[in-house]
Amino acid sequence: MWATLIFTAIVSLLIALLLDTLCYRRIRKNNSPNIYYFVASITFAILIEQILNVFFGKMSYGFPPMFEKTSMQFFSASFSTMDLVVLVISLVLLVVLMLLINKTKIGLAIRAVAIDGRTGRLMGINSGFIILLTFALAGFLAGVSGTLLGIKYSVYPSLGSSMMVKGFIASVIGGLGSLSGAIIAAILLGVIEMVLVYYLGSSITPALLFGIMLLFLFLRPQGISGKFAQDKV
């Protein structure tokens, strides 16, 4: 498991850097509108998914059992061993990421460049390196999360796109400039999604989640705490 996790994270990191080199860097140099980043992201996501479909088909591939003991008992409750492993790894990475973003100079530079890269350069920040580092971090975390999802459920080409939609909704509701806001929004969305699936079914739930996102865009465009994050920097 650990070898697969590390290998996938490194490969994902390299792919993220490759995408930045092939596409996003050119968009930045041309000072293109921000919508270009969104269109490029969707295009590459579809391209990668279709390439995987060509080589691996649309079948699901499962990981072999990772633990001899599939569940653990705490008091009167029983928990899946894999769920606990995913929870621990996710919390560790989340704490490290929050410390990096909020307590280090690199994190301050990342937040400053995210708000205004041109002003960041005038203040002496190497925005090119910061953006490259951000892509590397995003690729690494995507590789880890994708591996954990694959071990928990199964691996198939459209796994990334389904998770990307939920991540996009969480980031919009939480606030594009706030990590803590995105975390709160992700937890709330997870709870809301489970309740909606239980009472209304899985077919209508995605549409309702998009409706919640649109409501936030109308009532609070900066998200739960996006404005706070911008003022802090």
Protein backbone atom coordinates (compact mmCIF):
# COMPACT_ATOMS: atom_id res chain seq x y z
CA MET A 1 0.00 0.00 0.00
CA TRP A 2 2.63 2.53 1.04
CA ALA A 3 4.76 1.91 -2.07
CA THR A 4 1.68 2.40 -4.27
CA LEU A 5 0.74 5.56 -2.39
CA ILE A 6 4.19 7.13 -2.76
CA PHE A 7 4.61 6.08 -6.39
CA THR A 8 1.20 7.43 -7.41
CA ALA A 9 1.77 10.70 -5.56
CA ILE A 10 5.12 11.23 -7.33
CA VAL A 11 3.68 10.40 -10.76
CA SER A 12 0.74 12.74 -10.15
CA LEU A 13 3.15 15.48 -9.06
CA LEU A 14 5.14 15.10 -12.30
CA ILE A 15 1.96 15.17 -14.40
CA ALA A 16 0.87 18.38 -12.67
CA LEU A 17 4.23 20.01 -13.43
CA LEU A 18 4.00 18.81 -17.05
CA LEU A 19 0.54 20.33 -17.44
CA ASP A 20 1.77 23.62 -16.05
CA THR A 21 4.70 23.61 -18.47
CA LEU A 22 2.61 22.71 -21.52
CA CYS A 23 -0.39 24.94 -20.94
CA TYR A 24 -0.80 27.10 -17.85
CA ARG A 25 2.56 28.82 -18.10
CA ARG A 26 1.70 30.05 -21.59
CA ILE A 27 -1.64 31.35 -20.33
CA ARG A 28 0.13 33.28 -17.58
CA LYS A 29 2.70 34.75 -19.97
CA ASN A 30 -0.05 35.98 -22.29
CA ASN A 31 -1.99 37.50 -19.36
CA SER A 32 -5.07 35.66 -20.59
CA PRO A 33 -8.42 35.96 -18.74
CA ASN A 34 -8.95 33.69 -15.76
CA ILE A 35 -11.63 31.74 -17.61
CA TYR A 36 -8.83 30.28 -19.75
CA TYR A 37 -7.49 28.42 -16.72
CA PHE A 38 -10.88 26.88 -16.08
CA VAL A 39 -11.36 25.85 -19.72
CA ALA A 40 -7.85 24.39 -19.87
CA SER A 41 -8.43 22.42 -16.66
CA ILE A 42 -11.66 20.89 -17.95
CA THR A 43 -10.05 20.13 -21.32
CA PHE A 44 -7.08 18.32 -19.79
CA ALA A 45 -9.34 16.41 -17.38
CA ILE A 46 -11.45 15.14 -20.29
CA LEU A 47 -8.33 14.35 -22.34
CA ILE A 48 -6.72 12.32 -19.56
CA GLU A 49 -9.97 10.46 -18.88
CA GLN A 50 -10.38 9.54 -22.55
CA ILE A 51 -6.77 8.37 -22.80
CA LEU A 52 -7.37 6.09 -19.82
CA ASN A 53 -10.56 4.83 -21.45
CA VAL A 54 -8.64 3.91 -24.61
CA PHE A 55 -5.94 1.96 -22.79
CA PHE A 56 -7.88 0.50 -19.85
CA GLY A 57 -11.53 0.64 -20.86
CA LYS A 58 -14.37 1.68 -18.57
CA MET A 59 -14.06 -1.30 -16.26
CA SER A 60 -13.42 -0.91 -12.55
CA TYR A 61 -10.23 -2.28 -11.07
CA GLY A 62 -10.03 -3.19 -7.40
CA PHE A 63 -7.06 -3.30 -5.07
CA PRO A 64 -6.28 -6.53 -3.23
CA PRO A 65 -7.13 -6.61 0.50
CA MET A 66 -4.70 -4.43 2.42
CA PHE A 67 -5.31 -5.61 5.97
CA GLU A 68 -5.96 -9.00 7.48
CA LYS A 69 -8.30 -7.42 10.00
CA THR A 70 -10.98 -5.57 8.06
CA SER A 71 -12.63 -3.87 11.04
CA MET A 72 -11.70 -2.49 14.43
CA GLN A 73 -13.83 -2.25 17.54
CA PHE A 74 -13.99 0.89 19.67
CA PHE A 75 -16.29 0.58 22.66
CA SER A 76 -19.57 -0.63 21.11
CA ALA A 77 -18.90 0.72 17.60
CA SER A 78 -17.22 -1.05 14.71
CA PHE A 79 -15.14 0.82 12.13
CA SER A 80 -13.60 -0.28 8.87
CA THR A 81 -9.80 -0.51 9.12
CA MET A 82 -9.44 1.14 5.71
CA ASP A 83 -11.73 4.00 6.73
CA LEU A 84 -9.58 4.67 9.79
CA VAL A 85 -6.38 4.59 7.72
CA VAL A 86 -7.88 7.03 5.20
CA LEU A 87 -9.03 9.30 8.05
CA VAL A 88 -5.61 9.33 9.75
CA ILE A 89 -3.68 9.98 6.52
CA SER A 90 -6.12 12.70 5.49
CA LEU A 91 -5.92 14.45 8.87
CA VAL A 92 -2.11 14.33 8.89
CA LEU A 93 -1.88 15.79 5.39
CA LEU A 94 -4.51 18.40 6.24
CA VAL A 95 -2.66 19.57 9.35
CA VAL A 96 0.64 19.74 7.45
CA LEU A 97 -0.99 21.69 4.63
CA MET A 98 -2.68 24.16 7.00
CA LEU A 99 0.59 24.74 8.85
CA LEU A 100 2.36 25.29 5.55
CA ILE A 101 -0.25 27.75 4.27
CA ASN A 102 -0.83 29.69 7.49
CA LYS A 103 2.43 29.51 9.45
CA THR A 104 5.27 29.72 6.91
CA LYS A 105 6.66 32.37 4.58
CA ILE A 106 6.03 30.08 1.62
CA GLY A 107 2.39 29.82 2.63
CA LEU A 108 2.12 33.59 2.90
CA ALA A 109 3.67 33.89 -0.56
CA ILE A 110 1.21 31.35 -1.97
CA ARG A 111 -1.74 33.32 -0.59
CA ALA A 112 -0.34 36.62 -1.82
CA VAL A 113 0.30 35.33 -5.36
CA ALA A 114 -3.16 33.74 -5.43
CA ILE A 115 -4.75 37.13 -4.75
CA ASP A 116 -2.52 39.27 -6.99
CA GLY A 117 0.52 37.75 -8.66
CA ARG A 118 1.68 41.03 -10.18
CA THR A 119 1.73 42.82 -6.84
CA GLY A 120 3.49 39.80 -5.34
CA ARG A 121 6.27 40.14 -7.90
CA LEU A 122 6.63 43.83 -7.05
CA MET A 123 7.07 42.84 -3.40
CA GLY A 124 9.96 40.53 -4.29
CA ILE A 125 8.10 37.20 -4.45
CA ASN A 126 9.25 34.75 -7.10
CA SER A 127 5.76 34.10 -8.38
CA GLY A 128 6.92 31.60 -11.01
CA PHE A 129 8.48 29.35 -8.37
CA ILE A 130 5.48 29.75 -6.06
CA ILE A 131 3.05 28.73 -8.81
CA LEU A 132 5.23 25.76 -9.73
CA LEU A 133 5.38 24.72 -6.07
CA THR A 134 1.60 25.02 -5.79
CA PHE A 135 1.12 22.78 -8.82
CA ALA A 136 3.51 20.24 -7.29
CA LEU A 137 1.60 20.27 -3.99
CA ALA A 138 -1.73 19.93 -5.77
CA GLY A 139 -0.45 17.03 -7.87
CA PHE A 140 1.00 15.25 -4.85
CA LEU A 141 -2.22 15.58 -2.84
CA ALA A 142 -4.31 14.50 -5.86
CA GLY A 143 -2.19 11.37 -6.19
CA VAL A 144 -2.57 10.50 -2.51
CA SER A 145 -6.33 11.13 -2.45
CA GLY A 146 -6.88 9.22 -5.69
CA THR A 147 -4.98 6.22 -4.36
CA LEU A 148 -6.94 6.22 -1.10
CA LEU A 149 -10.23 6.44 -3.02
CA GLY A 150 -9.16 3.60 -5.28
CA ILE A 151 -8.19 1.39 -2.35
CA LYS A 152 -11.44 2.18 -0.55
CA TYR A 153 -13.71 1.66 -3.56
CA SER A 154 -12.23 0.85 -6.98
CA VAL A 155 -10.26 2.52 -9.78
CA TYR A 156 -11.92 3.58 -13.03
CA PRO A 157 -11.22 6.38 -15.55
CA SER A 158 -14.11 8.65 -14.50
CA LEU A 159 -13.22 8.53 -10.79
CA GLY A 160 -11.35 11.83 -11.01
CA SER A 161 -14.10 13.73 -12.78
CA SER A 162 -16.75 12.70 -10.26
CA MET A 163 -14.55 13.84 -7.37
CA MET A 164 -13.54 17.01 -9.23
CA VAL A 165 -17.15 18.19 -9.36
CA LYS A 166 -17.58 17.77 -5.61
CA GLY A 167 -14.26 19.46 -4.93
CA PHE A 168 -15.23 22.39 -7.15
CA ILE A 169 -18.54 22.83 -5.32
CA ALA A 170 -16.79 22.69 -1.93
CA SER A 171 -14.17 25.25 -2.98
CA VAL A 172 -16.81 27.67 -4.28
CA ILE A 173 -18.99 27.41 -1.19
CA GLY A 174 -16.03 27.53 1.19
CA GLY A 175 -14.34 30.43 -0.58
CA LEU A 176 -11.65 30.16 -3.23
CA GLY A 177 -9.19 32.03 -1.04
CA SER A 178 -9.68 30.02 2.14
CA LEU A 179 -8.47 26.51 2.99
CA SER A 180 -10.43 26.42 6.24
CA GLY A 181 -13.59 27.51 4.43
CA ALA A 182 -13.15 24.72 1.88
CA ILE A 183 -12.73 22.18 4.69
CA ILE A 184 -15.90 23.34 6.43
CA ALA A 185 -17.80 23.32 3.13
CA ALA A 186 -16.56 19.82 2.26
CA ILE A 187 -17.74 18.43 5.60
CA LEU A 188 -21.12 20.15 5.29
CA LEU A 189 -21.55 18.93 1.72
CA GLY A 190 -20.68 15.39 2.74
CA VAL A 191 -23.35 15.42 5.44
CA ILE A 192 -25.91 17.09 3.17
CA GLU A 193 -25.17 14.62 0.37
CA MET A 194 -25.71 11.61 2.64
CA VAL A 195 -29.02 13.02 3.89
CA LEU A 196 -30.21 13.83 0.36
CA VAL A 197 -29.24 10.41 -0.97
CA TYR A 198 -31.03 8.71 1.92
CA TYR A 199 -34.29 10.63 1.51
CA LEU A 200 -34.37 11.59 -2.19
CA GLY A 201 -32.07 9.11 -3.93
CA SER A 202 -28.74 9.44 -5.69
CA SER A 203 -30.10 10.55 -9.08
CA ILE A 204 -31.31 14.00 -7.99
CA THR A 205 -28.64 14.71 -5.36
CA PRO A 206 -25.95 16.14 -7.73
CA ALA A 207 -28.45 18.65 -9.14
CA LEU A 208 -29.40 19.77 -5.62
CA LEU A 209 -25.72 20.19 -4.69
CA PHE A 210 -25.22 22.43 -7.72
CA GLY A 211 -28.30 24.35 -6.65
CA ILE A 212 -26.74 24.93 -3.23
CA MET A 213 -23.59 26.21 -4.92
CA LEU A 214 -25.57 28.61 -7.11
CA LEU A 215 -27.41 29.87 -4.04
CA PHE A 216 -24.09 30.65 -2.35
CA LEU A 217 -22.88 32.44 -5.49
CA PHE A 218 -25.95 34.68 -5.37
CA LEU A 219 -26.03 35.33 -1.63
CA ARG A 220 -22.33 35.17 -0.70
CA PRO A 221 -20.02 35.09 -3.75
CA GLN A 222 -16.85 35.03 -1.61
CA GLY A 223 -17.98 31.81 0.09
CA ILE A 224 -18.02 30.97 3.78
CA SER A 225 -14.73 32.69 4.59
CA GLY A 226 -13.15 33.82 1.33
CA LYS A 227 -13.29 37.50 2.25
CA PHE A 228 -11.61 36.83 5.61
CA ALA A 229 -8.71 35.06 3.93
CA GLN A 230 -8.15 37.92 1.50
CA ASP A 231 -8.20 40.57 4.23
CA LYS A 232 -5.73 38.58 6.32
CA VAL A 233 -3.13 38.50 3.56
